[in-house]
Amino acid sequence: MAQRKVSIERHLTFGKLIALTMSMDAGYITALAALGGAALGGFTSFATSWTTQHAQMNAERAASSKSRRQKLYREFIDGAAKMYGDALIHDKLELSGLIDLHAIVSRMRVFSSEAVIGSAVSVVLVITETYNQPNKSPTEIEVMIQNGSIDLLKGFSEACRQEFETNLRI
């Protein structure tokens, strides 16, 4: 009987200890739940801010890249059109203009797709070859305009448009 009484007392003491632990755990649990909720809310806020800022930076980078390429392509089109017009009516090679076109093509190599660069190189080669051909008369130029063969930059323009439609990001 004495052994049974000791066993019951141990269970009662253990039960009191569990009850005491549970009453303390309830306070801890509440505090930990509050801290956990605050940490989760802070992490969620951080993740949302980071994701938003990352998306904005990517959009700005893409817009900046597109703007740079548009400016570069406009510069090339203007220079090539002038050079081609000059090549059609003159025999003497305009070296400074040709060097400018090569410099623009070199800058394109940093920002542009292979299709755009290849098309630009082809335009420069046609301009160079045109200087070696006999000068065109106004009548011949008019015929070229009518049949569309004067449009040297059509392939380049289409390559640029294709590049912009695929949203090349550099």
Protein backbone atom coordinates (compact mmCIF):
# COMPACT_ATOMS: atom_id res chain seq x y z
CA MET A 1 0.00 0.00 0.00
CA ALA A 2 2.81 2.33 0.83
CA GLN A 3 4.33 1.71 -2.54
CA ARG A 4 1.03 2.50 -4.23
CA LYS A 5 0.69 5.76 -2.27
CA VAL A 6 4.16 6.87 -3.43
CA SER A 7 3.21 6.05 -7.00
CA ILE A 8 0.00 8.09 -6.76
CA GLU A 9 1.92 11.00 -5.21
CA ARG A 10 4.41 10.87 -8.05
CA HIS A 11 1.56 11.05 -10.55
CA LEU A 12 -0.03 13.91 -8.67
CA THR A 13 3.26 15.74 -8.47
CA PHE A 14 3.90 15.05 -12.15
CA GLY A 15 0.33 16.21 -12.92
CA LYS A 16 0.90 19.44 -11.00
CA LEU A 17 4.14 19.92 -12.89
CA ILE A 18 2.33 19.40 -16.21
CA ALA A 19 -0.41 21.81 -15.16
CA LEU A 20 2.18 24.38 -14.11
CA THR A 21 4.08 23.90 -17.38
CA MET A 22 0.88 24.23 -19.40
CA SER A 23 -0.10 27.45 -17.68
CA MET A 24 3.34 28.89 -18.40
CA ASP A 25 3.27 27.57 -21.99
CA ALA A 26 0.02 29.40 -22.70
CA GLY A 27 1.72 32.73 -22.05
CA TYR A 28 4.75 31.70 -24.05
CA ILE A 29 2.60 30.39 -26.84
CA THR A 30 0.71 33.68 -27.04
CA ALA A 31 3.95 35.68 -27.07
CA LEU A 32 5.56 33.38 -29.61
CA ALA A 33 2.47 33.50 -31.80
CA ALA A 34 2.54 37.30 -31.71
CA LEU A 35 6.25 37.38 -32.53
CA GLY A 36 5.80 34.80 -35.25
CA GLY A 37 2.95 36.77 -36.77
CA ALA A 38 4.96 39.98 -36.68
CA ALA A 39 7.95 38.22 -38.26
CA LEU A 40 5.79 36.67 -40.96
CA GLY A 41 4.12 40.03 -41.66
CA GLY A 42 7.51 41.74 -41.85
CA PHE A 43 8.88 39.08 -44.18
CA THR A 44 5.79 39.30 -46.39
CA SER A 45 6.12 43.07 -46.56
CA PHE A 46 9.82 42.79 -47.40
CA ALA A 47 9.20 40.15 -50.08
CA THR A 48 6.44 42.22 -51.67
CA SER A 49 8.57 45.37 -51.70
CA TRP A 50 11.57 43.55 -53.10
CA THR A 51 9.52 41.89 -55.83
CA THR A 52 7.90 45.19 -56.81
CA GLN A 53 11.21 47.04 -56.87
CA HIS A 54 12.84 44.24 -58.87
CA ALA A 55 10.04 44.34 -61.45
CA GLN A 56 10.29 48.15 -61.70
CA MET A 57 14.05 48.00 -62.19
CA ASN A 58 13.66 45.40 -64.94
CA ALA A 59 11.02 47.54 -66.66
CA GLU A 60 13.25 50.64 -66.46
CA ARG A 61 16.22 48.70 -67.79
CA ALA A 62 14.19 47.36 -70.70
CA ALA A 63 12.81 50.83 -71.51
CA SER A 64 16.28 52.35 -71.34
CA SER A 65 17.70 49.65 -73.60
CA LYS A 66 14.89 50.12 -76.10
CA SER A 67 15.34 53.89 -76.08
CA ARG A 68 19.11 53.58 -76.65
CA ARG A 69 18.61 51.19 -79.55
CA GLN A 70 15.90 53.39 -81.11
CA LYS A 71 18.24 56.38 -81.01
CA LEU A 72 21.08 54.33 -82.48
CA TYR A 73 18.89 52.91 -85.26
CA ARG A 74 17.54 56.36 -86.10
CA GLU A 75 21.10 57.67 -86.34
CA PHE A 76 22.08 54.78 -88.62
CA ILE A 77 19.02 55.21 -90.86
CA ASP A 78 19.65 58.94 -91.23
CA GLY A 79 23.36 58.47 -92.00
CA ALA A 80 22.82 55.53 -94.37
CA ALA A 81 20.07 57.31 -96.30
CA LYS A 82 22.29 60.35 -96.82
CA MET A 83 25.26 58.21 -97.79
CA TYR A 84 23.19 56.12 -100.22
CA GLY A 85 21.76 59.25 -101.84
CA ASP A 86 25.26 60.61 -102.21
CA ALA A 87 26.53 57.28 -103.62
CA LEU A 88 23.80 57.23 -106.27
CA ILE A 89 24.85 60.57 -107.77
CA HIS A 90 28.61 60.78 -106.98
CA ASP A 91 31.66 58.69 -107.81
CA LYS A 92 33.85 59.98 -105.00
CA LEU A 93 33.58 57.93 -101.82
CA GLU A 94 32.48 60.00 -98.82
CA LEU A 95 34.96 58.51 -96.35
CA SER A 96 33.95 60.39 -93.20
CA GLY A 97 30.30 59.37 -93.62
CA LEU A 98 31.29 55.77 -94.22
CA ILE A 99 33.46 55.77 -91.09
CA ASP A 100 30.53 57.20 -89.11
CA LEU A 101 28.32 54.35 -90.34
CA HIS A 102 30.93 51.78 -89.32
CA ALA A 103 31.14 53.39 -85.87
CA ILE A 104 27.37 53.17 -85.47
CA VAL A 105 27.44 49.50 -86.52
CA SER A 106 30.14 48.88 -83.92
CA ARG A 107 27.95 50.46 -81.22
CA MET A 108 25.07 48.27 -82.39
CA ARG A 109 27.18 45.22 -81.66
CA VAL A 110 26.87 46.07 -77.97
CA PHE A 111 23.07 46.46 -77.90
CA SER A 112 21.54 44.73 -80.90
CA SER A 113 20.59 41.30 -82.16
CA GLU A 114 22.61 39.48 -84.79
CA ALA A 115 19.86 40.03 -87.38
CA VAL A 116 20.01 43.81 -86.96
CA ILE A 117 23.81 43.89 -87.06
CA GLY A 118 23.93 41.68 -90.15
CA SER A 119 21.40 43.86 -91.92
CA ALA A 120 23.32 47.03 -91.02
CA VAL A 121 26.57 45.55 -92.34
CA SER A 122 24.78 44.64 -95.59
CA VAL A 123 23.52 48.22 -95.95
CA VAL A 124 27.05 49.60 -95.52
CA LEU A 125 28.39 47.14 -98.11
CA VAL A 126 25.71 48.13 -100.65
CA ILE A 127 26.50 51.81 -100.09
CA THR A 128 30.21 51.15 -100.62
CA GLU A 129 29.51 49.18 -103.82
CA THR A 130 27.16 51.89 -105.09
CA TYR A 131 30.02 54.40 -105.09
CA ASN A 132 31.86 52.10 -107.51
CA GLN A 133 28.92 52.00 -109.93
CA PRO A 134 28.14 54.63 -112.55
CA ASN A 135 26.19 57.63 -111.31
CA LYS A 136 22.41 57.41 -111.63
CA SER A 137 20.49 59.96 -113.64
CA PRO A 138 17.32 61.54 -112.22
CA THR A 139 15.29 59.31 -114.55
CA GLU A 140 17.04 56.18 -113.29
CA ILE A 141 16.47 57.25 -109.67
CA GLU A 142 12.79 57.82 -110.44
CA VAL A 143 12.53 54.29 -111.88
CA MET A 144 14.26 52.92 -108.75
CA ILE A 145 11.73 54.75 -106.58
CA GLN A 146 8.81 53.37 -108.59
CA ASN A 147 9.98 49.75 -108.51
CA GLY A 148 11.09 49.95 -104.84
CA SER A 149 14.72 49.08 -105.45
CA ILE A 150 15.87 52.36 -103.90
CA ASP A 151 14.59 51.23 -100.49
CA LEU A 152 17.96 50.07 -99.21
CA LEU A 153 16.92 50.24 -95.55
CA LYS A 154 13.77 48.10 -95.72
CA GLY A 155 15.51 44.92 -94.50
CA PHE A 156 17.25 46.84 -91.72
CA SER A 157 13.99 48.44 -90.59
CA GLU A 158 12.22 45.07 -90.56
CA ALA A 159 15.02 43.49 -88.52
CA CYS A 160 14.75 46.35 -86.02
CA ARG A 161 10.98 45.97 -85.76
CA GLN A 162 11.34 42.22 -85.25
CA GLU A 163 13.87 42.84 -82.50
CA PHE A 164 11.53 45.25 -80.71
CA GLU A 165 8.59 42.86 -81.04
CA THR A 166 10.56 40.09 -79.36
CA ASN A 167 11.44 42.56 -76.58
CA LEU A 168 15.16 41.95 -76.67
CA ARG A 169 16.58 42.88 -73.26
CA ILE A 170 20.16 44.00 -73.14
